[in-house]
């Protein structure tokens, strides 16, 4: 399962609003809401933009939840 720390990072970044983050990375507020809720998987480009904005590596922003199969076969 794909998870993210975007909400936590926003609050650590001076209680930044979803709108402010959206404007900073060039998407809509609805996109940020959907990513935070796990309803939308961001593109690699968007994930990189968000990570760069917060000064983090992508894996600190968006990550795979441990112990999940994630739909991958072991064949």
Protein backbone atom coordinates (compact mmCIF):
# COMPACT_ATOMS: atom_id res chain seq x y z
CA UNK A 1 0.00 0.00 0.00
CA UNK A 2 1.30 3.44 -0.91
CA UNK A 3 1.36 5.86 2.03
CA UNK A 4 2.58 9.41 2.49
CA UNK A 5 3.74 11.94 5.06
CA UNK A 6 2.51 15.02 3.22
CA UNK A 7 0.07 16.16 5.90
CA UNK A 8 2.72 15.85 8.62
CA UNK A 9 5.28 17.66 6.48
CA UNK A 10 2.84 20.51 5.83
CA UNK A 11 2.28 20.99 9.54
CA UNK A 12 6.03 20.86 10.22
CA UNK A 13 6.41 23.51 7.52
CA UNK A 14 4.73 26.32 9.49
CA UNK A 15 1.24 24.78 9.33
CA UNK A 16 1.18 25.15 5.55
CA UNK A 17 -2.25 24.80 3.97
CA UNK A 18 -3.09 22.32 1.23
CA UNK A 19 -3.70 25.29 -1.07
CA UNK A 20 -0.22 26.72 -0.41
CA UNK A 21 1.45 23.39 -1.15
CA UNK A 22 -0.68 22.92 -4.26
CA UNK A 23 0.35 26.34 -5.57
CA UNK A 24 4.00 25.65 -4.79
CA UNK A 25 4.09 22.41 -6.80
CA UNK A 26 1.68 23.40 -9.56
CA UNK A 27 -1.43 21.31 -8.85
CA UNK A 28 -4.88 21.91 -7.40
CA UNK A 29 -5.80 21.72 -3.75
CA UNK A 30 -8.04 18.76 -4.62
CA UNK A 31 -4.99 16.86 -5.88
CA UNK A 32 -3.16 17.39 -2.58
CA UNK A 33 -6.28 16.32 -0.65
CA UNK A 34 -6.58 13.14 -2.73
CA UNK A 35 -2.90 12.27 -2.31
CA UNK A 36 -3.04 12.80 1.47
CA UNK A 37 -6.12 10.56 1.72
CA UNK A 38 -4.48 7.86 -0.39
CA UNK A 39 -7.11 8.14 -3.12
CA UNK A 40 -4.66 9.34 -5.78
CA UNK A 41 -1.14 8.20 -6.59
CA UNK A 42 1.01 11.10 -7.72
CA UNK A 43 3.16 10.87 -10.82
CA UNK A 44 6.88 10.48 -10.32
CA UNK A 45 7.32 14.09 -11.39
CA UNK A 46 4.82 15.36 -8.83
CA UNK A 47 6.30 13.17 -6.09
CA UNK A 48 9.74 14.60 -6.87
CA UNK A 49 8.40 18.18 -6.83
CA UNK A 50 6.76 17.65 -3.43
CA UNK A 51 9.89 16.03 -2.00
CA UNK A 52 12.12 18.81 -3.34
CA UNK A 53 9.78 21.46 -1.94
CA UNK A 54 10.14 19.98 1.56
CA UNK A 55 13.88 19.32 1.14
CA UNK A 56 13.38 15.57 1.50
CA UNK A 57 14.01 12.48 -0.56
CA UNK A 58 10.94 10.93 -2.18
CA UNK A 59 10.96 7.95 0.20
CA UNK A 60 10.50 10.31 3.15
CA UNK A 61 7.39 11.75 1.53
CA UNK A 62 5.78 8.78 -0.24
CA UNK A 63 6.52 5.18 0.71
CA UNK A 64 5.29 1.61 0.54
CA UNK A 65 3.75 0.34 3.75
CA UNK A 66 5.82 -2.53 5.17
CA UNK A 67 4.42 -6.05 5.12
CA UNK A 68 2.12 -5.52 2.15
CA UNK A 69 2.29 -7.57 -1.04
CA UNK A 70 1.53 -4.50 -3.17
CA UNK A 71 0.21 -6.69 -5.98
CA UNK A 72 3.66 -7.85 -7.06
CA UNK A 73 4.17 -11.49 -7.97
CA UNK A 74 7.23 -13.36 -6.81
CA UNK A 75 7.66 -15.33 -10.01
